[in-house]
Protein backbone atom coordinates (compact mmCIF):
# COMPACT_ATOMS: atom_id res chain seq x y z
CA UNK A 1 15.05 -11.37 20.54
CA UNK A 2 12.76 -9.61 22.83
CA UNK A 3 9.42 -11.03 24.21
CA UNK A 4 6.40 -9.13 25.01
CA UNK A 5 4.07 -10.85 26.92
CA UNK A 6 0.22 -10.81 28.10
CA UNK A 7 -0.31 -10.76 31.87
CA UNK A 8 -2.09 -13.95 33.28
CA UNK A 9 -5.54 -12.51 34.24
CA UNK A 10 -5.56 -9.64 31.47
CA UNK A 11 -8.72 -8.61 30.02
CA UNK A 12 -10.02 -9.13 26.81
CA UNK A 13 -9.05 -5.28 25.88
CA UNK A 14 -5.50 -5.96 26.69
CA UNK A 15 -5.38 -9.05 24.52
CA UNK A 16 -6.79 -7.44 21.79
CA UNK A 17 -4.21 -4.73 22.01
CA UNK A 18 -1.45 -6.93 21.95
CA UNK A 19 -2.67 -8.81 18.85
CA UNK A 20 -3.35 -5.76 17.05
CA UNK A 21 0.11 -4.43 17.72
CA UNK A 22 1.54 -7.68 16.35
CA UNK A 23 -0.85 -7.49 13.34
CA UNK A 24 0.45 -3.96 12.63
CA UNK A 25 4.00 -4.89 13.15
CA UNK A 26 3.52 -8.29 10.81
CA UNK A 27 2.58 -5.76 7.71
CA UNK A 28 5.53 -3.32 7.77
CA UNK A 29 8.81 -3.83 6.33
CA UNK A 30 10.90 -1.11 7.16
CA UNK A 31 14.54 -0.97 8.38
CA UNK A 32 13.64 1.65 11.12
CA UNK A 33 10.59 -0.64 12.62
CA UNK A 34 10.91 -3.76 14.85
CA UNK A 35 10.89 -6.96 12.67
CA UNK A 36 8.01 -9.40 14.11
CA UNK A 37 9.76 -13.02 14.68
CA UNK A 38 6.45 -14.56 15.92
CA UNK A 39 3.33 -14.82 17.99
CA UNK A 40 2.42 -17.27 20.57
CA UNK A 41 -1.21 -17.86 20.89
CA UNK A 42 -1.62 -21.67 21.88
CA UNK A 43 -0.41 -21.67 25.15
CA UNK A 44 -0.25 -19.01 28.12
CA UNK A 45 0.97 -16.50 28.37
CA UNK A 46 0.30 -15.30 25.01
CA UNK A 47 3.55 -13.77 23.60
CA UNK A 48 4.70 -11.26 20.58
CA UNK A 49 8.36 -12.10 19.95
CA UNK A 50 10.62 -8.95 17.93
CA UNK A 51 13.89 -8.31 17.03
CA UNK A 52 15.90 -6.88 20.19
CA UNK A 53 16.53 -3.19 20.26
CA UNK A 54 19.98 -2.74 21.10
CA UNK A 55 19.95 1.47 21.58
CA UNK A 56 16.93 1.14 24.23
CA UNK A 57 13.64 1.62 23.53
CA UNK A 58 11.85 4.52 21.08
CA UNK A 59 10.37 6.21 24.37
CA UNK A 60 14.13 6.24 26.10
CA UNK A 61 15.43 7.48 22.71
CA UNK A 62 12.76 10.16 22.47
CA UNK A 63 13.34 11.63 26.27
CA UNK A 64 17.16 11.40 25.61
CA UNK A 65 16.80 13.60 22.66
CA UNK A 66 14.41 16.34 23.80
CA UNK A 67 16.87 17.00 26.62
């Protein structure tokens, strides 16, 4: 499990971005896309909980592949 949190004091734009990300993940059902486990909005900090990526992040994978 991996947890992405919204920093305390983050603005409305950052909150909307995180919630939009969670909304998109919730709509996807593909073995190549992270599974959304849940979203915590009733307490601070706001959190998006996903499955854990065992082979590093997509960004790291793409950077390593371009070498």
